[in-house]
Amino acid sequence: MGKLTTHVLDTASGVPGANIQVVLYRLDGDTPIQILQTDTNSDGRTNAPLLEGAAFVAGRYQLVFHVAPYFQQQGVELDDVPFLDDVVIRFGLNDEASHYHVPLLVSPYSFSTYRGS
């Protein structure tokens, strides 16, 4: 049975990205349809997989990480219009029996991601 998980690492401070709002969308063409909204826990992870079981179906998805409020809570002084407000990652799920892990490594001015395990 497949599942989708994520976690956030604050690479500027070297700590997990706690209390970051994460929103998952399934893409219907280019139209995002919201599936769930959650927050990361103290370890920078969500308390449960974002998708699993019957809800885990192949297709195109989008994760939105609301990082500007997190950095403001950490005392980072951001511009009136933050360089990174929301980080959007679009990706595809193909194998409904696999574990897909989409980590976000983020600082106020950069981010990266990869398919984790």
PDB file of N, CA and C in Angstrom:
ATOM      1  N   MET A   1       0.846  -1.178   0.000  1.00  0.00           N
ATOM      2  CA  MET A   1       0.000   0.000   0.000  1.00  0.00           C
ATOM      3  C   MET A   1       0.890   1.239   0.000  1.00  0.00           C
ATOM      4  N   GLY A   2       0.639   2.155  -0.907  1.00  0.00           N
ATOM      5  CA  GLY A   2       1.448   3.353  -1.024  1.00  0.00           C
ATOM      6  C   GLY A   2       1.078   4.414  -0.016  1.00  0.00           C
ATOM      7  N   LYS A   3       2.004   5.346   0.139  1.00  0.00           N
ATOM      8  CA  LYS A   3       1.725   6.497   0.992  1.00  0.00           C
ATOM      9  C   LYS A   3       2.598   7.666   0.574  1.00  0.00           C
ATOM     10  N   LEU A   4       2.162   8.863   0.963  1.00  0.00           N
ATOM     11  CA  LEU A   4       2.878  10.105   0.708  1.00  0.00           C
ATOM     12  C   LEU A   4       3.171  10.763   2.041  1.00  0.00           C
ATOM     13  N   THR A   5       4.443  11.096   2.272  1.00  0.00           N
ATOM     14  CA  THR A   5       4.849  11.781   3.498  1.00  0.00           C
ATOM     15  C   THR A   5       5.729  12.974   3.143  1.00  0.00           C
ATOM     16  N   THR A   6       5.942  13.836   4.125  1.00  0.00           N
ATOM     17  CA  THR A   6       6.796  15.006   3.946  1.00  0.00           C
ATOM     18  C   THR A   6       7.438  15.370   5.271  1.00  0.00           C
ATOM     19  N   HIS A   7       8.441  16.202   5.204  1.00  0.00           N
ATOM     20  CA  HIS A   7       8.979  16.866   6.385  1.00  0.00           C
ATOM     21  C   HIS A   7       9.705  18.117   5.937  1.00  0.00           C
ATOM     22  N   VAL A   8       9.911  19.034   6.890  1.00  0.00           N
ATOM     23  CA  VAL A   8      10.542  20.310   6.589  1.00  0.00           C
ATOM     24  C   VAL A   8      11.752  20.487   7.500  1.00  0.00           C
ATOM     25  N   LEU A   9      12.871  20.883   6.886  1.00  0.00           N
ATOM     26  CA  LEU A   9      14.079  21.208   7.634  1.00  0.00           C
ATOM     27  C   LEU A   9      14.424  22.669   7.386  1.00  0.00           C
ATOM     28  N   ASP A  10      14.626  23.414   8.454  1.00  0.00           N
ATOM     29  CA  ASP A  10      15.049  24.805   8.392  1.00  0.00           C
ATOM     30  C   ASP A  10      16.572  24.796   8.277  1.00  0.00           C
ATOM     31  N   THR A  11      17.086  24.944   7.075  1.00  0.00           N
ATOM     32  CA  THR A  11      18.524  24.846   6.858  1.00  0.00           C
ATOM     33  C   THR A  11      19.282  26.078   7.343  1.00  0.00           C
ATOM     34  N   ALA A  12      18.592  27.184   7.557  1.00  0.00           N
ATOM     35  CA  ALA A  12      19.252  28.383   8.080  1.00  0.00           C
ATOM     36  C   ALA A  12      19.606  28.210   9.554  1.00  0.00           C
ATOM     37  N   SER A  13      18.740  27.506  10.290  1.00  0.00           N
ATOM     38  CA  SER A  13      18.952  27.318  11.732  1.00  0.00           C
ATOM     39  C   SER A  13      19.389  25.911  12.090  1.00  0.00           C
ATOM     40  N   GLY A  14      19.268  24.977  11.147  1.00  0.00           N
ATOM     41  CA  GLY A  14      19.649  23.600  11.420  1.00  0.00           C
ATOM     42  C   GLY A  14      18.679  22.864  12.330  1.00  0.00           C
ATOM     43  N   VAL A  15      17.400  23.197  12.229  1.00  0.00           N
ATOM     44  CA  VAL A  15      16.379  22.574  13.078  1.00  0.00           C
ATOM     45  C   VAL A  15      15.190  22.144  12.221  1.00  0.00           C
ATOM     46  N   PRO A  16      14.349  21.243  12.749  1.00  0.00           N
ATOM     47  CA  PRO A  16      13.113  20.911  12.025  1.00  0.00           C
ATOM     48  C   PRO A  16      12.217  22.139  11.897  1.00  0.00           C
ATOM     49  N   GLY A  17      11.491  22.216  10.800  1.00  0.00           N
ATOM     50  CA  GLY A  17      10.538  23.307  10.583  1.00  0.00           C
ATOM     51  C   GLY A  17       9.214  22.965  11.242  1.00  0.00           C
ATOM     52  N   ALA A  18       9.033  23.406  12.473  1.00  0.00           N
ATOM     53  CA  ALA A  18       7.833  23.086  13.253  1.00  0.00           C
ATOM     54  C   ALA A  18       6.730  24.106  13.009  1.00  0.00           C
ATOM     55  N   ASN A  19       5.505  23.630  13.065  1.00  0.00           N
ATOM     56  CA  ASN A  19       4.314  24.479  12.950  1.00  0.00           C
ATOM     57  C   ASN A  19       4.227  25.221  11.623  1.00  0.00           C
ATOM     58  N   ILE A  20       4.584  24.541  10.552  1.00  0.00           N
ATOM     59  CA  ILE A  20       4.445  25.105   9.210  1.00  0.00           C
ATOM     60  C   ILE A  20       3.182  24.519   8.585  1.00  0.00           C
ATOM     61  N   GLN A  21       2.335  25.399   8.080  1.00  0.00           N
ATOM     62  CA  GLN A  21       1.113  24.936   7.422  1.00  0.00           C
ATOM     63  C   GLN A  21       1.475  24.317   6.076  1.00  0.00           C
ATOM     64  N   VAL A  22       0.909  23.130   5.834  1.00  0.00           N
ATOM     65  CA  VAL A  22       1.131  22.385   4.594  1.00  0.00           C
ATOM     66  C   VAL A  22      -0.237  22.077   3.990  1.00  0.00           C
ATOM     67  N   VAL A  23      -0.394  22.379   2.701  1.00  0.00           N
ATOM     68  CA  VAL A  23      -1.651  22.103   2.015  1.00  0.00           C
ATOM     69  C   VAL A  23      -1.345  21.212   0.812  1.00  0.00           C
ATOM     70  N   LEU A  24      -2.106  20.117   0.696  1.00  0.00           N
ATOM     71  CA  LEU A  24      -1.946  19.187  -0.411  1.00  0.00           C
ATOM     72  C   LEU A  24      -3.108  19.336  -1.382  1.00  0.00           C
ATOM     73  N   TYR A  25      -2.777  19.408  -2.684  1.00  0.00           N
ATOM     74  CA  TYR A  25      -3.765  19.496  -3.746  1.00  0.00           C
ATOM     75  C   TYR A  25      -3.535  18.367  -4.744  1.00  0.00           C
ATOM     76  N   ARG A  26      -4.587  17.870  -5.327  1.00  0.00           N
ATOM     77  CA  ARG A  26      -4.507  17.001  -6.502  1.00  0.00           C
ATOM     78  C   ARG A  26      -4.780  17.913  -7.687  1.00  0.00           C
ATOM     79  N   LEU A  27      -4.025  17.737  -8.759  1.00  0.00           N
ATOM     80  CA  LEU A  27      -4.198  18.585  -9.928  1.00  0.00           C
ATOM     81  C   LEU A  27      -5.118  17.906 -10.934  1.00  0.00           C
ATOM     82  N   ASP A  28      -6.168  18.623 -11.311  1.00  0.00           N
ATOM     83  CA  ASP A  28      -7.072  18.192 -12.364  1.00  0.00           C
ATOM     84  C   ASP A  28      -6.755  19.082 -13.550  1.00  0.00           C
ATOM     85  N   GLY A  29      -5.903  18.592 -14.459  1.00  0.00           N
ATOM     86  CA  GLY A  29      -5.333  19.469 -15.483  1.00  0.00           C
ATOM     87  C   GLY A  29      -4.388  20.411 -14.761  1.00  0.00           C
ATOM     88  N   ASP A  30      -4.633  21.701 -14.862  1.00  0.00           N
ATOM     89  CA  ASP A  30      -3.845  22.676 -14.104  1.00  0.00           C
ATOM     90  C   ASP A  30      -4.626  23.243 -12.922  1.00  0.00           C
ATOM     91  N   THR A  31      -5.810  22.694 -12.660  1.00  0.00           N
ATOM     92  CA  THR A  31      -6.642  23.183 -11.571  1.00  0.00           C
ATOM     93  C   THR A  31      -6.357  22.406 -10.290  1.00  0.00           C
ATOM     94  N   PRO A  32      -5.871  23.098  -9.245  1.00  0.00           N
ATOM     95  CA  PRO A  32      -5.623  22.404  -7.974  1.00  0.00           C
ATOM     96  C   PRO A  32      -6.922  22.210  -7.191  1.00  0.00           C
ATOM     97  N   ILE A  33      -7.096  20.991  -6.679  1.00  0.00           N
ATOM     98  CA  ILE A  33      -8.243  20.655  -5.834  1.00  0.00           C
ATOM     99  C   ILE A  33      -7.692  20.273  -4.469  1.00  0.00           C
ATOM    100  N   GLN A  34      -8.040  21.049  -3.444  1.00  0.00           N
ATOM    101  CA  GLN A  34      -7.473  20.816  -2.120  1.00  0.00           C
ATOM    102  C   GLN A  34      -7.935  19.480  -1.552  1.00  0.00           C
ATOM    103  N   ILE A  35      -6.966  18.711  -1.046  1.00  0.00           N
ATOM    104  CA  ILE A  35      -7.246  17.428  -0.415  1.00  0.00           C
ATOM    105  C   ILE A  35      -7.170  17.545   1.094  1.00  0.00           C
ATOM    106  N   LEU A  36      -6.132  18.221   1.587  1.00  0.00           N
ATOM    107  CA  LEU A  36      -6.006  18.379   3.035  1.00  0.00           C
ATOM    108  C   LEU A  36      -5.119  19.548   3.383  1.00  0.00           C
ATOM    109  N   GLN A  37      -5.258  19.970   4.627  1.00  0.00           N
ATOM    110  CA  GLN A  37      -4.421  21.020   5.205  1.00  0.00           C
ATOM    111  C   GLN A  37      -3.998  20.530   6.573  1.00  0.00           C
ATOM    112  N   THR A  38      -2.711  20.665   6.880  1.00  0.00           N
ATOM    113  CA  THR A  38      -2.190  20.215   8.165  1.00  0.00           C
ATOM    114  C   THR A  38      -1.008  21.091   8.549  1.00  0.00           C
ATOM    115  N   ASP A  39      -0.454  20.856   9.706  1.00  0.00           N
ATOM    116  CA  ASP A  39       0.739  21.568  10.164  1.00  0.00           C
ATOM    117  C   ASP A  39       1.811  20.550  10.516  1.00  0.00           C
ATOM    118  N   THR A  40       3.063  20.966  10.372  1.00  0.00           N
ATOM    119  CA  THR A  40       4.153  20.102  10.798  1.00  0.00           C
ATOM    120  C   THR A  40       4.236  20.101  12.319  1.00  0.00           C
ATOM    121  N   ASN A  41       4.729  18.994  12.861  1.00  0.00           N
ATOM    122  CA  ASN A  41       4.880  18.882  14.317  1.00  0.00           C
ATOM    123  C   ASN A  41       6.269  19.367  14.743  1.00  0.00           C
ATOM    124  N   SER A  42       6.644  19.135  15.971  1.00  0.00           N
ATOM    125  CA  SER A  42       7.921  19.639  16.494  1.00  0.00           C
ATOM    126  C   SER A  42       9.127  19.013  15.803  1.00  0.00           C
ATOM    127  N   ASP A  43       8.922  17.890  15.126  1.00  0.00           N
ATOM    128  CA  ASP A  43       9.992  17.226  14.382  1.00  0.00           C
ATOM    129  C   ASP A  43       9.984  17.639  12.907  1.00  0.00           C
ATOM    130  N   GLY A  44       9.134  18.589  12.528  1.00  0.00           N
ATOM    131  CA  GLY A  44       9.053  19.049  11.153  1.00  0.00           C
ATOM    132  C   GLY A  44       8.293  18.107  10.236  1.00  0.00           C
ATOM    133  N   ARG A  45       7.621  17.122  10.820  1.00  0.00           N
ATOM    134  CA  ARG A  45       6.868  16.129  10.045  1.00  0.00           C
ATOM    135  C   ARG A  45       5.378  16.310  10.310  1.00  0.00           C
ATOM    136  N   THR A  46       4.567  15.691   9.488  1.00  0.00           N
ATOM    137  CA  THR A  46       3.134  15.678   9.768  1.00  0.00           C
ATOM    138  C   THR A  46       2.841  14.468  10.648  1.00  0.00           C
ATOM    139  N   ASN A  47       1.799  14.541  11.445  1.00  0.00           N
ATOM    140  CA  ASN A  47       1.491  13.457  12.377  1.00  0.00           C
ATOM    141  C   ASN A  47       1.017  12.183  11.684  1.00  0.00           C
ATOM    142  N   ALA A  48       0.590  12.298  10.449  1.00  0.00           N
ATOM    143  CA  ALA A  48       0.118  11.145   9.683  1.00  0.00           C
ATOM    144  C   ALA A  48       0.527  11.344   8.231  1.00  0.00           C
ATOM    145  N   PRO A  49       0.575  10.265   7.452  1.00  0.00           N
ATOM    146  CA  PRO A  49       0.847  10.437   6.019  1.00  0.00           C
ATOM    147  C   PRO A  49      -0.176  11.378   5.382  1.00  0.00           C
ATOM    148  N   LEU A  50       0.267  12.088   4.366  1.00  0.00           N
ATOM    149  CA  LEU A  50      -0.626  13.000   3.651  1.00  0.00           C
ATOM    150  C   LEU A  50      -1.637  12.223   2.810  1.00  0.00           C
ATOM    151  N   LEU A  51      -1.197  11.103   2.274  1.00  0.00           N
ATOM    152  CA  LEU A  51      -2.059  10.203   1.516  1.00  0.00           C
ATOM    153  C   LEU A  51      -1.681   8.771   1.866  1.00  0.00           C
ATOM    154  N   GLU A  52      -2.667   7.909   1.945  1.00  0.00           N
ATOM    155  CA  GLU A  52      -2.416   6.479   2.091  1.00  0.00           C
ATOM    156  C   GLU A  52      -3.720   5.733   1.849  1.00  0.00           C
ATOM    157  N   GLY A  53      -3.615   4.432   1.694  1.00  0.00           N
ATOM    158  CA  GLY A  53      -4.811   3.617   1.487  1.00  0.00           C
ATOM    159  C   GLY A  53      -5.527   3.983   0.206  1.00  0.00           C
ATOM    160  N   ALA A  54      -6.846   3.973   0.259  1.00  0.00           N
ATOM    161  CA  ALA A  54      -7.669   4.239  -0.925  1.00  0.00           C
ATOM    162  C   ALA A  54      -7.481   5.656  -1.459  1.00  0.00           C
ATOM    163  N   ALA A  55      -7.065   6.586  -0.600  1.00  0.00           N
ATOM    164  CA  ALA A  55      -6.862   7.974  -1.029  1.00  0.00           C
ATOM    165  C   ALA A  55      -5.596   8.144  -1.865  1.00  0.00           C
ATOM    166  N   PHE A  56      -4.692   7.164  -1.793  1.00  0.00           N
ATOM    167  CA  PHE A  56      -3.433   7.248  -2.523  1.00  0.00           C
ATOM    168  C   PHE A  56      -3.647   6.737  -3.944  1.00  0.00           C
ATOM    169  N   VAL A  57      -3.771   7.656  -4.880  1.00  0.00           N
ATOM    170  CA  VAL A  57      -3.982   7.288  -6.279  1.00  0.00           C
ATOM    171  C   VAL A  57      -2.953   8.014  -7.147  1.00  0.00           C
ATOM    172  N   ALA A  58      -2.579   7.362  -8.233  1.00  0.00           N
ATOM    173  CA  ALA A  58      -1.622   7.962  -9.161  1.00  0.00           C
ATOM    174  C   ALA A  58      -2.183   9.268  -9.705  1.00  0.00           C
ATOM    175  N   GLY A  59      -1.291  10.196  -9.992  1.00  0.00           N
ATOM    176  CA  GLY A  59      -1.709  11.471 -10.557  1.00  0.00           C
ATOM    177  C   GLY A  59      -0.715  12.562 -10.256  1.00  0.00           C
ATOM    178  N   ARG A  60      -1.107  13.779 -10.594  1.00  0.00           N
ATOM    179  CA  ARG A  60      -0.278  14.961 -10.356  1.00  0.00           C
ATOM    180  C   ARG A  60      -0.777  15.656  -9.096  1.00  0.00           C
ATOM    181  N   TYR A  61       0.172  16.116  -8.275  1.00  0.00           N
ATOM    182  CA  TYR A  61      -0.140  16.730  -6.990  1.00  0.00           C
ATOM    183  C   TYR A  61       0.672  17.998  -6.801  1.00  0.00           C
ATOM    184  N   GLN A  62       0.264  18.757  -5.813  1.00  0.00           N
ATOM    185  CA  GLN A  62       0.951  19.990  -5.454  1.00  0.00           C
ATOM    186  C   GLN A  62       0.951  20.124  -3.943  1.00  0.00           C
ATOM    187  N   LEU A  63       2.121  20.366  -3.384  1.00  0.00           N
ATOM    188  CA  LEU A  63       2.242  20.694  -1.965  1.00  0.00           C
ATOM    189  C   LEU A  63       2.563  22.175  -1.844  1.00  0.00           C
ATOM    190  N   VAL A  64       1.909  22.861  -0.928  1.00  0.00           N
ATOM    191  CA  VAL A  64       2.195  24.264  -0.645  1.00  0.00           C
ATOM    192  C   VAL A  64       2.604  24.356   0.821  1.00  0.00           C
ATOM    193  N   PHE A  65       3.811  24.850   1.046  1.00  0.00           N
ATOM    194  CA  PHE A  65       4.348  25.042   2.390  1.00  0.00           C
ATOM    195  C   PHE A  65       4.341  26.542   2.675  1.00  0.00           C
ATOM    196  N   HIS A  66       3.636  26.970   3.703  1.00  0.00           N
ATOM    197  CA  HIS A  66       3.533  28.392   4.052  1.00  0.00           C
ATOM    198  C   HIS A  66       4.691  28.724   5.001  1.00  0.00           C
ATOM    199  N   VAL A  67       5.813  29.150   4.407  1.00  0.00           N
ATOM    200  CA  VAL A  67       7.050  29.292   5.179  1.00  0.00           C
ATOM    201  C   VAL A  67       7.283  30.686   5.764  1.00  0.00           C
ATOM    202  N   ALA A  68       6.752  31.732   5.166  1.00  0.00           N
ATOM    203  CA  ALA A  68       7.004  33.081   5.686  1.00  0.00           C
ATOM    204  C   ALA A  68       6.519  33.235   7.132  1.00  0.00           C
ATOM    205  N   PRO A  69       5.309  32.793   7.467  1.00  0.00           N
ATOM    206  CA  PRO A  69       4.887  32.911   8.871  1.00  0.00           C
ATOM    207  C   PRO A  69       5.814  32.154   9.831  1.00  0.00           C
ATOM    208  N   TYR A  70       6.323  30.999   9.377  1.00  0.00           N
ATOM    209  CA  TYR A  70       7.260  30.240  10.211  1.00  0.00           C
ATOM    210  C   TYR A  70       8.517  31.072  10.493  1.00  0.00           C
ATOM    211  N   PHE A  71       9.115  31.646   9.457  1.00  0.00           N
ATOM    212  CA  PHE A  71      10.341  32.415   9.657  1.00  0.00           C
ATOM    213  C   PHE A  71      10.080  33.661  10.500  1.00  0.00           C
ATOM    214  N   GLN A  72       8.929  34.294  10.336  1.00  0.00           N
ATOM    215  CA  GLN A  72       8.586  35.438  11.176  1.00  0.00           C
ATOM    216  C   GLN A  72       8.485  35.017  12.643  1.00  0.00           C
ATOM    217  N   GLN A  73       7.892  33.853  12.912  1.00  0.00           N
ATOM    218  CA  GLN A  73       7.789  33.349  14.287  1.00  0.00           C
ATOM    219  C   GLN A  73       9.163  33.025  14.866  1.00  0.00           C
ATOM    220  N   GLN A  74      10.129  32.725  13.992  1.00  0.00           N
ATOM    221  CA  GLN A  74      11.486  32.429  14.448  1.00  0.00           C
ATOM    222  C   GLN A  74      12.300  33.703  14.678  1.00  0.00           C
ATOM    223  N   GLY A  75      11.683  34.854  14.426  1.00  0.00           N
ATOM    224  CA  GLY A  75      12.363  36.126  14.639  1.00  0.00           C
ATOM    225  C   GLY A  75      13.175  36.594  13.452  1.00  0.00           C
ATOM    226  N   VAL A  76      12.993  35.957  12.301  1.00  0.00           N
ATOM    227  CA  VAL A  76      13.698  36.372  11.093  1.00  0.00           C
ATOM    228  C   VAL A  76      13.011  37.617  10.547  1.00  0.00           C
ATOM    229  N   GLU A  77      13.786  38.652  10.293  1.00  0.00           N
ATOM    230  CA  GLU A  77      13.230  39.880   9.739  1.00  0.00           C
ATOM    231  C   GLU A  77      13.094  39.712   8.231  1.00  0.00           C
ATOM    232  N   LEU A  78      11.856  39.693   7.760  1.00  0.00           N
ATOM    233  CA  LEU A  78      11.578  39.528   6.339  1.00  0.00           C
ATOM    234  C   LEU A  78      11.149  40.857   5.740  1.00  0.00           C
ATOM    235  N   ASP A  79      11.329  40.988   4.438  1.00  0.00           N
ATOM    236  CA  ASP A  79      10.842  42.170   3.728  1.00  0.00           C
ATOM    237  C   ASP A  79       9.318  42.213   3.789  1.00  0.00           C
ATOM    238  N   ASP A  80       8.736  43.370   3.476  1.00  0.00           N
ATOM    239  CA  ASP A  80       7.279  43.488   3.446  1.00  0.00           C
ATOM    240  C   ASP A  80       6.668  42.433   2.533  1.00  0.00           C
ATOM    241  N   VAL A  81       7.323  42.183   1.430  1.00  0.00           N
ATOM    242  CA  VAL A  81       6.940  41.095   0.528  1.00  0.00           C
ATOM    243  C   VAL A  81       8.083  40.078   0.602  1.00  0.00           C
ATOM    244  N   PRO A  82       7.906  39.005   1.381  1.00  0.00           N
ATOM    245  CA  PRO A  82       8.997  38.045   1.568  1.00  0.00           C
ATOM    246  C   PRO A  82       9.456  37.421   0.251  1.00  0.00           C
ATOM    247  N   PHE A  83      10.751  37.146   0.167  1.00  0.00           N
ATOM    248  CA  PHE A  83      11.281  36.479  -1.014  1.00  0.00           C
ATOM    249  C   PHE A  83      10.600  35.124  -1.189  1.00  0.00           C
ATOM    250  N   LEU A  84      10.511  34.347  -0.112  1.00  0.00           N
ATOM    251  CA  LEU A  84       9.755  33.091  -0.121  1.00  0.00           C
ATOM    252  C   LEU A  84       8.598  33.235   0.850  1.00  0.00           C
ATOM    253  N   ASP A  85       7.407  33.288   0.323  1.00  0.00           N
ATOM    254  CA  ASP A  85       6.202  33.337   1.136  1.00  0.00           C
ATOM    255  C   ASP A  85       5.656  31.917   1.248  1.00  0.00           C
ATOM    256  N   ASP A  86       5.259  31.357   0.114  1.00  0.00           N
ATOM    257  CA  ASP A  86       4.814  29.977   0.025  1.00  0.00           C
ATOM    258  C   ASP A  86       5.762  29.242  -0.915  1.00  0.00           C
ATOM    259  N   VAL A  87       6.122  28.027  -0.560  1.00  0.00           N
ATOM    260  CA  VAL A  87       6.905  27.179  -1.457  1.00  0.00           C
ATOM    261  C   VAL A  87       5.944  26.164  -2.060  1.00  0.00           C
ATOM    262  N   VAL A  88       5.886  26.133  -3.385  1.00  0.00           N
ATOM    263  CA  VAL A  88       4.984  25.246  -4.112  1.00  0.00           C
ATOM    264  C   VAL A  88       5.820  24.184  -4.816  1.00  0.00           C
ATOM    265  N   ILE A  89       5.457  22.920  -4.582  1.00  0.00           N
ATOM    266  CA  ILE A  89       6.145  21.806  -5.231  1.00  0.00           C
ATOM    267  C   ILE A  89       5.101  20.976  -5.961  1.00  0.00           C
ATOM    268  N   ARG A  90       5.268  20.852  -7.267  1.00  0.00           N
ATOM    269  CA  ARG A  90       4.385  20.003  -8.078  1.00  0.00           C
ATOM    270  C   ARG A  90       5.131  18.723  -8.418  1.00  0.00           C
ATOM    271  N   PHE A  91       4.447  17.597  -8.319  1.00  0.00           N
ATOM    272  CA  PHE A  91       5.098  16.306  -8.516  1.00  0.00           C
ATOM    273  C   PHE A  91       4.062  15.274  -8.941  1.00  0.00           C
ATOM    274  N   GLY A  92       4.540  14.144  -9.410  1.00  0.00           N
ATOM    275  CA  GLY A  92       3.660  13.074  -9.850  1.00  0.00           C
ATOM    276  C   GLY A  92       3.829  11.818  -9.028  1.00  0.00           C
ATOM    277  N   LEU A  93       2.727  11.139  -8.784  1.00  0.00           N
ATOM    278  CA  LEU A  93       2.721   9.832  -8.135  1.00  0.00           C
ATOM    279  C   LEU A  93       2.325   8.812  -9.188  1.00  0.00           C
ATOM    280  N   ASN A  94       3.140   7.798  -9.387  1.00  0.00           N
ATOM    281  CA  ASN A  94       2.874   6.817 -10.430  1.00  0.00           C
ATOM    282  C   ASN A  94       2.607   5.423  -9.903  1.00  0.00           C
ATOM    283  N   ASP A  95       3.342   5.006  -8.895  1.00  0.00           N
ATOM    284  CA  ASP A  95       3.257   3.639  -8.378  1.00  0.00           C
ATOM    285  C   ASP A  95       2.450   3.642  -7.089  1.00  0.00           C
ATOM    286  N   GLU A  96       1.228   3.136  -7.146  1.00  0.00           N
ATOM    287  CA  GLU A  96       0.331   3.174  -5.986  1.00  0.00           C
ATOM    288  C   GLU A  96       0.750   2.226  -4.868  1.00  0.00           C
ATOM    289  N   ALA A  97       1.822   1.465  -5.074  1.00  0.00           N
ATOM    290  CA  ALA A  97       2.338   0.589  -4.025  1.00  0.00           C
ATOM    291  C   ALA A  97       3.592   1.151  -3.365  1.00  0.00           C
ATOM    292  N   SER A  98       4.060   2.319  -3.803  1.00  0.00           N
ATOM    293  CA  SER A  98       5.315   2.886  -3.303  1.00  0.00           C
ATOM    294  C   SER A  98       5.099   3.937  -2.221  1.00  0.00           C
ATOM    295  N   HIS A  99       6.153   4.167  -1.469  1.00  0.00           N
ATOM    296  CA  HIS A  99       6.202   5.260  -0.501  1.00  0.00           C
ATOM    297  C   HIS A  99       6.897   6.424  -1.185  1.00  0.00           C
ATOM    298  N   TYR A 100       6.198   7.525  -1.314  1.00  0.00           N
ATOM    299  CA  TYR A 100       6.776   8.756  -1.840  1.00  0.00           C
ATOM    300  C   TYR A 100       6.981   9.705  -0.672  1.00  0.00           C
ATOM    301  N   HIS A 101       8.190  10.227  -0.551  1.00  0.00           N
ATOM    302  CA  HIS A 101       8.514  11.168   0.517  1.00  0.00           C
ATOM    303  C   HIS A 101       9.028  12.437  -0.146  1.00  0.00           C
ATOM    304  N   VAL A 102       8.407  13.584   0.169  1.00  0.00           N
ATOM    305  CA  VAL A 102       8.768  14.864  -0.431  1.00  0.00           C
ATOM    306  C   VAL A 102       9.238  15.805   0.670  1.00  0.00           C
ATOM    307  N   PRO A 103      10.537  15.808   0.962  1.00  0.00           N
ATOM    308  CA  PRO A 103      11.057  16.713   1.988  1.00  0.00           C
ATOM    309  C   PRO A 103      11.281  18.117   1.426  1.00  0.00           C
ATOM    310  N   LEU A 104      11.224  19.088   2.309  1.00  0.00           N
ATOM    311  CA  LEU A 104      11.525  20.473   1.944  1.00  0.00           C
ATOM    312  C   LEU A 104      12.659  20.956   2.833  1.00  0.00           C
ATOM    313  N   LEU A 105      13.744  21.373   2.217  1.00  0.00           N
ATOM    314  CA  LEU A 105      14.855  22.010   2.916  1.00  0.00           C
ATOM    315  C   LEU A 105      14.746  23.487   2.573  1.00  0.00           C
ATOM    316  N   VAL A 106      14.596  24.341   3.597  1.00  0.00           N
ATOM    317  CA  VAL A 106      14.231  25.725   3.311  1.00  0.00           C
ATOM    318  C   VAL A 106      14.962  26.697   4.235  1.00  0.00           C
ATOM    319  N   SER A 107      15.255  27.865   3.689  1.00  0.00           N
ATOM    320  CA  SER A 107      15.740  29.020   4.434  1.00  0.00           C
ATOM    321  C   SER A 107      14.932  30.208   3.927  1.00  0.00           C
ATOM    322  N   PRO A 108      15.108  31.392   4.494  1.00  0.00           N
ATOM    323  CA  PRO A 108      14.308  32.527   4.015  1.00  0.00           C
ATOM    324  C   PRO A 108      14.548  32.891   2.542  1.00  0.00           C
ATOM    325  N   TYR A 109      15.676  32.428   1.958  1.00  0.00           N
ATOM    326  CA  TYR A 109      16.009  32.837   0.600  1.00  0.00           C
ATOM    327  C   TYR A 109      16.310  31.678  -0.351  1.00  0.00           C
ATOM    328  N   SER A 110      16.054  30.428   0.082  1.00  0.00           N
ATOM    329  CA  SER A 110      16.294  29.312  -0.823  1.00  0.00           C
ATOM    330  C   SER A 110      15.542  28.079  -0.326  1.00  0.00           C
ATOM    331  N   PHE A 111      15.340  27.133  -1.270  1.00  0.00           N
ATOM    332  CA  PHE A 111      14.759  25.850  -0.883  1.00  0.00           C
ATOM    333  C   PHE A 111      15.203  24.785  -1.872  1.00  0.00           C
ATOM    334  N   SER A 112      15.113  23.541  -1.445  1.00  0.00           N
ATOM    335  CA  SER A 112      15.330  22.405  -2.336  1.00  0.00           C
ATOM    336  C   SER A 112      14.465  21.256  -1.881  1.00  0.00           C
ATOM    337  N   THR A 113      14.265  20.320  -2.777  1.00  0.00           N
ATOM    338  CA  THR A 113      13.480  19.139  -2.488  1.00  0.00           C
ATOM    339  C   THR A 113      14.034  17.990  -3.305  1.00  0.00           C
ATOM    340  N   TYR A 114      13.583  16.799  -3.015  1.00  0.00           N
ATOM    341  CA  TYR A 114      13.985  15.606  -3.744  1.00  0.00           C
ATOM    342  C   TYR A 114      12.993  14.508  -3.413  1.00  0.00           C
ATOM    343  N   ARG A 115      13.051  13.409  -4.142  1.00  0.00           N
ATOM    344  CA  ARG A 115      12.211  12.267  -3.775  1.00  0.00           C
ATOM    345  C   ARG A 115      12.986  11.462  -2.750  1.00  0.00           C
ATOM    346  N   GLY A 116      12.509  11.502  -1.534  1.00  0.00           N
ATOM    347  CA  GLY A 116      13.159  10.775  -0.448  1.00  0.00           C
ATOM    348  C   GLY A 116      12.626   9.369  -0.337  1.00  0.00           C
ATOM    349  N   SER A 117      13.060   8.712   0.706  1.00  0.00           N
ATOM    350  CA  SER A 117      12.631   7.326   0.926  1.00  0.00           C
ATOM    351  C   SER A 117      11.976   7.190   2.291  1.00  0.00           C
TER     352      SER A 117
END
